[in-house]
Amino acid sequence: MSELDDIRRRRMEQLRQQQMQMQQQQGMDYQQMQQEEQMRQQYEEQKKQALRQILTPEARQRLANLRLTKPEHVNALEMQLIQLAEARQIQIPVSDATLKQILRQMTGQKREIHITRK
């Protein structure tokens, strides 16, 4: 009996150690996720601040409306605006008309689809 108890005790100790290691790993993963989330929030705040300086209120409103329909285009446009402003290739603040022009250039020519029936 004592041998069986000893085996059980060792096995329980192994399970406790494994559980503690898993908890430590999860704690590190959680901390890493928190740091990544904090960095993402800081990046988004810096981007918002830069866009406040670059765009007029009307242009910001147009961008907000566009974000509801095409968020992937808005992200690309925001990055392009920030890069153009840093390179001093656009006049700051960007008006709504200028933003429309940039949007037209980004979308390019749309392909027309013709369906022919046979």
N, C-alpha and C. Protein backbone atom coordinates (compact mmCIF):
# COMPACT_ATOMS: atom_id res chain seq x y z
N MET A 1 0.81 -1.20 0.00
CA MET A 1 0.00 0.00 0.00
C MET A 1 0.85 1.26 0.00
N SER A 2 1.90 1.29 0.76
CA SER A 2 2.71 2.49 0.82
C SER A 2 3.36 2.77 -0.54
N GLU A 3 3.68 1.71 -1.26
CA GLU A 3 4.27 1.89 -2.59
C GLU A 3 3.25 2.51 -3.54
N LEU A 4 2.02 2.07 -3.48
CA LEU A 4 0.94 2.62 -4.30
C LEU A 4 0.67 4.07 -3.92
N ASP A 5 0.66 4.38 -2.64
CA ASP A 5 0.48 5.75 -2.17
C ASP A 5 1.61 6.64 -2.65
N ASP A 6 2.82 6.11 -2.62
CA ASP A 6 3.99 6.87 -3.06
C ASP A 6 3.89 7.19 -4.55
N ILE A 7 3.43 6.24 -5.35
CA ILE A 7 3.26 6.46 -6.79
C ILE A 7 2.18 7.50 -7.04
N ARG A 8 1.11 7.43 -6.32
CA ARG A 8 0.02 8.40 -6.45
C ARG A 8 0.51 9.80 -6.07
N ARG A 9 1.24 9.89 -4.99
CA ARG A 9 1.75 11.18 -4.52
C ARG A 9 2.69 11.80 -5.56
N ARG A 10 3.58 10.98 -6.15
CA ARG A 10 4.50 11.49 -7.17
C ARG A 10 3.75 11.95 -8.42
N ARG A 11 2.75 11.16 -8.79
CA ARG A 11 1.96 11.52 -9.97
C ARG A 11 1.19 12.82 -9.73
N MET A 12 0.63 12.99 -8.55
CA MET A 12 -0.08 14.23 -8.20
C MET A 12 0.87 15.42 -8.23
N GLU A 13 2.08 15.22 -7.76
CA GLU A 13 3.08 16.29 -7.77
C GLU A 13 3.45 16.66 -9.21
N GLN A 14 3.58 15.67 -10.08
CA GLN A 14 3.86 15.93 -11.49
C GLN A 14 2.73 16.74 -12.14
N LEU A 15 1.50 16.34 -11.83
CA LEU A 15 0.35 17.05 -12.38
C LEU A 15 0.30 18.49 -11.89
N ARG A 16 0.61 18.72 -10.62
CA ARG A 16 0.64 20.09 -10.08
C ARG A 16 1.70 20.93 -10.78
N GLN A 17 2.88 20.34 -10.99
CA GLN A 17 3.96 21.07 -11.66
C GLN A 17 3.57 21.41 -13.10
N GLN A 18 2.95 20.46 -13.78
CA GLN A 18 2.52 20.72 -15.14
C GLN A 18 1.48 21.83 -15.18
N GLN A 19 0.58 21.80 -14.21
CA GLN A 19 -0.46 22.82 -14.15
C GLN A 19 0.16 24.19 -13.86
N MET A 20 1.12 24.25 -12.96
CA MET A 20 1.79 25.52 -12.65
C MET A 20 2.53 26.04 -13.88
N GLN A 21 3.19 25.16 -14.61
CA GLN A 21 3.89 25.58 -15.82
C GLN A 21 2.91 26.12 -16.86
N MET A 22 1.78 25.47 -17.01
CA MET A 22 0.77 25.94 -17.97
C MET A 22 0.23 27.30 -17.55
N GLN A 23 0.01 27.50 -16.25
CA GLN A 23 -0.49 28.78 -15.77
C GLN A 23 0.53 29.88 -16.00
N GLN A 24 1.81 29.57 -15.77
CA GLN A 24 2.86 30.56 -16.02
C GLN A 24 2.92 30.90 -17.50
N GLN A 25 2.81 29.90 -18.35
CA GLN A 25 2.84 30.13 -19.81
C GLN A 25 1.66 30.99 -20.23
N GLN A 26 0.49 30.68 -19.68
CA GLN A 26 -0.69 31.47 -20.01
C GLN A 26 -0.55 32.89 -19.51
N GLY A 27 0.06 33.06 -18.35
CA GLY A 27 0.29 34.40 -17.82
C GLY A 27 1.20 35.21 -18.72
N MET A 28 2.26 34.57 -19.24
CA MET A 28 3.16 35.27 -20.15
C MET A 28 2.45 35.60 -21.46
N ASP A 29 1.64 34.66 -21.97
CA ASP A 29 0.88 34.91 -23.19
C ASP A 29 -0.08 36.07 -22.99
N TYR A 30 -0.73 36.11 -21.85
CA TYR A 30 -1.68 37.18 -21.55
C TYR A 30 -0.96 38.52 -21.48
N GLN A 31 0.21 38.55 -20.83
CA GLN A 31 0.98 39.79 -20.75
C GLN A 31 1.42 40.24 -22.13
N GLN A 32 1.85 39.31 -22.96
CA GLN A 32 2.28 39.63 -24.32
C GLN A 32 1.10 40.18 -25.12
N MET A 33 -0.07 39.57 -24.97
CA MET A 33 -1.26 40.07 -25.67
C MET A 33 -1.61 41.47 -25.21
N GLN A 34 -1.49 41.73 -23.91
CA GLN A 34 -1.77 43.06 -23.39
C GLN A 34 -0.81 44.08 -23.97
N GLN A 35 0.48 43.74 -24.04
CA GLN A 35 1.47 44.65 -24.59
C GLN A 35 1.19 44.93 -26.07
N GLU A 36 0.84 43.90 -26.82
CA GLU A 36 0.54 44.08 -28.23
C GLU A 36 -0.69 44.96 -28.41
N GLU A 37 -1.70 44.75 -27.59
CA GLU A 37 -2.91 45.56 -27.66
C GLU A 37 -2.60 47.02 -27.31
N GLN A 38 -1.78 47.23 -26.31
CA GLN A 38 -1.40 48.58 -25.92
C GLN A 38 -0.61 49.26 -27.05
N MET A 39 0.28 48.53 -27.69
CA MET A 39 1.05 49.10 -28.80
C MET A 39 0.13 49.43 -29.97
N ARG A 40 -0.85 48.57 -30.23
CA ARG A 40 -1.79 48.83 -31.31
C ARG A 40 -2.63 50.08 -31.02
N GLN A 41 -3.04 50.24 -29.77
CA GLN A 41 -3.81 51.42 -29.39
C GLN A 41 -2.98 52.69 -29.52
N GLN A 42 -1.72 52.62 -29.13
CA GLN A 42 -0.85 53.78 -29.27
C GLN A 42 -0.67 54.15 -30.73
N TYR A 43 -0.49 53.14 -31.58
CA TYR A 43 -0.34 53.37 -33.01
C TYR A 43 -1.59 54.04 -33.58
N GLU A 44 -2.76 53.53 -33.21
CA GLU A 44 -4.02 54.09 -33.70
C GLU A 44 -4.19 55.53 -33.22
N GLU A 45 -3.81 55.81 -31.99
CA GLU A 45 -3.94 57.17 -31.46
C GLU A 45 -2.99 58.12 -32.19
N GLN A 46 -1.78 57.68 -32.48
CA GLN A 46 -0.84 58.50 -33.23
C GLN A 46 -1.35 58.76 -34.64
N LYS A 47 -1.95 57.74 -35.24
CA LYS A 47 -2.51 57.90 -36.58
C LYS A 47 -3.66 58.90 -36.57
N LYS A 48 -4.53 58.80 -35.58
CA LYS A 48 -5.65 59.74 -35.46
C LYS A 48 -5.15 61.17 -35.29
N GLN A 49 -4.14 61.33 -34.44
CA GLN A 49 -3.59 62.66 -34.20
C GLN A 49 -2.99 63.24 -35.48
N ALA A 50 -2.28 62.42 -36.23
CA ALA A 50 -1.68 62.89 -37.49
C ALA A 50 -2.77 63.28 -38.48
N LEU A 51 -3.83 62.48 -38.56
CA LEU A 51 -4.92 62.79 -39.49
C LEU A 51 -5.68 64.04 -39.08
N ARG A 52 -5.77 64.31 -37.79
CA ARG A 52 -6.41 65.56 -37.33
C ARG A 52 -5.65 66.77 -37.85
N GLN A 53 -4.34 66.65 -37.91
CA GLN A 53 -3.52 67.76 -38.39
C GLN A 53 -3.54 67.86 -39.91
N ILE A 54 -3.70 66.73 -40.58
CA ILE A 54 -3.61 66.70 -42.04
C ILE A 54 -4.93 67.09 -42.70
N LEU A 55 -6.07 66.65 -42.15
CA LEU A 55 -7.37 66.80 -42.81
C LEU A 55 -8.21 67.92 -42.21
N THR A 56 -9.03 68.53 -43.05
CA THR A 56 -10.02 69.48 -42.57
C THR A 56 -11.18 68.69 -41.95
N PRO A 57 -12.03 69.34 -41.17
CA PRO A 57 -13.16 68.61 -40.57
C PRO A 57 -14.07 67.94 -41.60
N GLU A 58 -14.29 68.61 -42.74
CA GLU A 58 -15.14 68.02 -43.77
C GLU A 58 -14.49 66.75 -44.35
N ALA A 59 -13.19 66.80 -44.57
CA ALA A 59 -12.48 65.64 -45.11
C ALA A 59 -12.48 64.50 -44.09
N ARG A 60 -12.33 64.83 -42.81
CA ARG A 60 -12.39 63.79 -41.77
C ARG A 60 -13.76 63.13 -41.75
N GLN A 61 -14.81 63.94 -41.94
CA GLN A 61 -16.17 63.40 -41.95
C GLN A 61 -16.36 62.46 -43.14
N ARG A 62 -15.84 62.86 -44.31
CA ARG A 62 -15.94 62.00 -45.50
C ARG A 62 -15.21 60.68 -45.26
N LEU A 63 -14.05 60.76 -44.63
CA LEU A 63 -13.27 59.56 -44.34
C LEU A 63 -14.02 58.65 -43.36
N ALA A 64 -14.67 59.25 -42.38
CA ALA A 64 -15.45 58.47 -41.41
C ALA A 64 -16.63 57.78 -42.10
N ASN A 65 -17.30 58.49 -43.01
CA ASN A 65 -18.41 57.89 -43.75
C ASN A 65 -17.92 56.75 -44.64
N LEU A 66 -16.80 56.97 -45.28
CA LEU A 66 -16.24 55.94 -46.16
C LEU A 66 -15.80 54.71 -45.36
N ARG A 67 -15.35 54.92 -44.13
CA ARG A 67 -14.91 53.80 -43.29
C ARG A 67 -16.05 52.81 -43.04
N LEU A 68 -17.27 53.29 -43.02
CA LEU A 68 -18.42 52.41 -42.79
C LEU A 68 -18.64 51.46 -43.96
N THR A 69 -18.31 51.90 -45.17
CA THR A 69 -18.57 51.07 -46.34
C THR A 69 -17.34 50.31 -46.82
N LYS A 70 -16.17 50.95 -46.76
CA LYS A 70 -14.95 50.33 -47.29
C LYS A 70 -13.78 50.54 -46.34
N PRO A 71 -13.75 49.83 -45.22
CA PRO A 71 -12.67 50.05 -44.24
C PRO A 71 -11.28 49.75 -44.78
N GLU A 72 -11.17 48.79 -45.70
CA GLU A 72 -9.84 48.46 -46.23
C GLU A 72 -9.28 49.61 -47.08
N HIS A 73 -10.17 50.31 -47.81
CA HIS A 73 -9.72 51.47 -48.60
C HIS A 73 -9.31 52.61 -47.68
N VAL A 74 -10.04 52.79 -46.60
CA VAL A 74 -9.75 53.89 -45.69
C VAL A 74 -8.38 53.70 -45.03
N ASN A 75 -8.07 52.48 -44.61
CA ASN A 75 -6.77 52.24 -44.00
C ASN A 75 -5.64 52.56 -44.97
N ALA A 76 -5.79 52.13 -46.21
CA ALA A 76 -4.76 52.41 -47.22
C ALA A 76 -4.68 53.91 -47.49
N LEU A 77 -5.82 54.57 -47.56
CA LEU A 77 -5.85 56.00 -47.81
C LEU A 77 -5.20 56.78 -46.66
N GLU A 78 -5.51 56.38 -45.44
CA GLU A 78 -4.90 57.05 -44.28
C GLU A 78 -3.38 56.95 -44.31
N MET A 79 -2.89 55.76 -44.61
CA MET A 79 -1.44 55.59 -44.67
C MET A 79 -0.83 56.42 -45.80
N GLN A 80 -1.52 56.47 -46.93
CA GLN A 80 -1.03 57.26 -48.04
C GLN A 80 -1.02 58.74 -47.69
N LEU A 81 -2.06 59.22 -47.03
CA LEU A 81 -2.12 60.63 -46.64
C LEU A 81 -0.99 60.99 -45.67
N ILE A 82 -0.75 60.12 -44.72
CA ILE A 82 0.32 60.37 -43.74
C ILE A 82 1.67 60.40 -44.44
N GLN A 83 1.89 59.46 -45.36
CA GLN A 83 3.16 59.43 -46.09
C GLN A 83 3.33 60.66 -46.97
N LEU A 84 2.26 61.07 -47.64
CA LEU A 84 2.34 62.26 -48.49
C LEU A 84 2.61 63.51 -47.65
N ALA A 85 1.99 63.58 -46.49
CA ALA A 85 2.19 64.74 -45.62
C ALA A 85 3.62 64.77 -45.08
N GLU A 86 4.15 63.61 -44.71
CA GLU A 86 5.52 63.56 -44.20
C GLU A 86 6.52 63.93 -45.30
N ALA A 87 6.23 63.54 -46.53
CA ALA A 87 7.11 63.85 -47.65
C ALA A 87 6.85 65.26 -48.21
N ARG A 88 5.88 65.94 -47.62
CA ARG A 88 5.48 67.30 -48.04
C ARG A 88 5.08 67.34 -49.51
N GLN A 89 4.36 66.33 -49.94
CA GLN A 89 3.90 66.27 -51.32
C GLN A 89 2.46 66.74 -51.47
N ILE A 90 1.80 67.02 -50.36
CA ILE A 90 0.45 67.58 -50.42
C ILE A 90 0.40 68.80 -49.52
N GLN A 91 -0.53 69.68 -49.85
CA GLN A 91 -0.69 70.89 -49.05
C GLN A 91 -1.59 70.59 -47.86
N ILE A 92 -1.13 70.96 -46.68
CA ILE A 92 -1.87 70.70 -45.45
C ILE A 92 -2.59 71.97 -45.05
N PRO A 93 -3.82 71.94 -44.62
CA PRO A 93 -4.71 70.80 -44.45
C PRO A 93 -5.33 70.36 -45.78
N VAL A 94 -5.62 69.09 -45.87
CA VAL A 94 -6.23 68.52 -47.07
C VAL A 94 -7.73 68.78 -47.01
N SER A 95 -8.22 69.43 -48.05
CA SER A 95 -9.65 69.74 -48.09
C SER A 95 -10.45 68.55 -48.57
N ASP A 96 -11.75 68.68 -48.49
CA ASP A 96 -12.65 67.62 -48.92
C ASP A 96 -12.49 67.38 -50.42
N ALA A 97 -12.35 68.46 -51.21
CA ALA A 97 -12.19 68.32 -52.66
C ALA A 97 -10.89 67.58 -53.00
N THR A 98 -9.82 67.90 -52.29
CA THR A 98 -8.55 67.22 -52.53
C THR A 98 -8.66 65.75 -52.15
N LEU A 99 -9.34 65.47 -51.06
CA LEU A 99 -9.54 64.09 -50.64
C LEU A 99 -10.33 63.31 -51.69
N LYS A 100 -11.36 63.93 -52.27
CA LYS A 100 -12.13 63.28 -53.33
C LYS A 100 -11.22 62.93 -54.51
N GLN A 101 -10.35 63.87 -54.86
CA GLN A 101 -9.45 63.66 -55.98
C GLN A 101 -8.50 62.49 -55.68
N ILE A 102 -7.97 62.43 -54.48
CA ILE A 102 -7.08 61.34 -54.10
C ILE A 102 -7.83 60.01 -54.13
N LEU A 103 -9.09 60.03 -53.68
CA LEU A 103 -9.90 58.81 -53.72
C LEU A 103 -10.12 58.33 -55.15
N ARG A 104 -10.38 59.26 -56.06
CA ARG A 104 -10.56 58.88 -57.46
C ARG A 104 -9.29 58.26 -58.02
N GLN A 105 -8.15 58.82 -57.66
CA GLN A 105 -6.88 58.28 -58.14
C GLN A 105 -6.62 56.89 -57.57
N MET A 106 -7.00 56.69 -56.31
CA MET A 106 -6.78 55.39 -55.68
C MET A 106 -7.64 54.30 -56.30
N THR A 107 -8.88 54.63 -56.58
CA THR A 107 -9.77 53.60 -57.11
C THR A 107 -9.44 53.29 -58.55
N GLY A 108 -8.85 54.25 -59.25
CA GLY A 108 -8.44 54.00 -60.62
C GLY A 108 -9.62 53.79 -61.53
N GLN A 109 -9.38 53.15 -62.63
CA GLN A 109 -10.46 52.89 -63.57
C GLN A 109 -11.14 51.58 -63.20
N LYS A 110 -12.43 51.64 -63.20
CA LYS A 110 -13.19 50.44 -62.87
C LYS A 110 -13.33 49.59 -64.13
N ARG A 111 -13.26 48.30 -63.94
CA ARG A 111 -13.44 47.40 -65.06
C ARG A 111 -14.92 47.20 -65.29
N GLU A 112 -15.29 47.22 -66.54
CA GLU A 112 -16.68 46.96 -66.87
C GLU A 112 -16.82 45.50 -67.26
N ILE A 113 -17.88 44.89 -66.81
CA ILE A 113 -18.12 43.49 -67.10
C ILE A 113 -19.27 43.41 -68.09
N HIS A 114 -19.01 42.75 -69.20
CA HIS A 114 -20.04 42.57 -70.21
C HIS A 114 -20.42 41.09 -70.25
N ILE A 115 -21.68 40.83 -70.20
CA ILE A 115 -22.14 39.45 -70.26
C ILE A 115 -22.82 39.25 -71.62
N THR A 116 -22.33 38.29 -72.32
CA THR A 116 -22.94 37.97 -73.62
C THR A 116 -23.59 36.60 -73.52
N ARG A 117 -24.78 36.52 -73.99
CA ARG A 117 -25.50 35.24 -73.97
C ARG A 117 -25.39 34.57 -75.33
N LYS A 118 -25.26 33.30 -75.30
CA LYS A 118 -25.16 32.57 -76.56
C LYS A 118 -26.31 31.62 -76.72
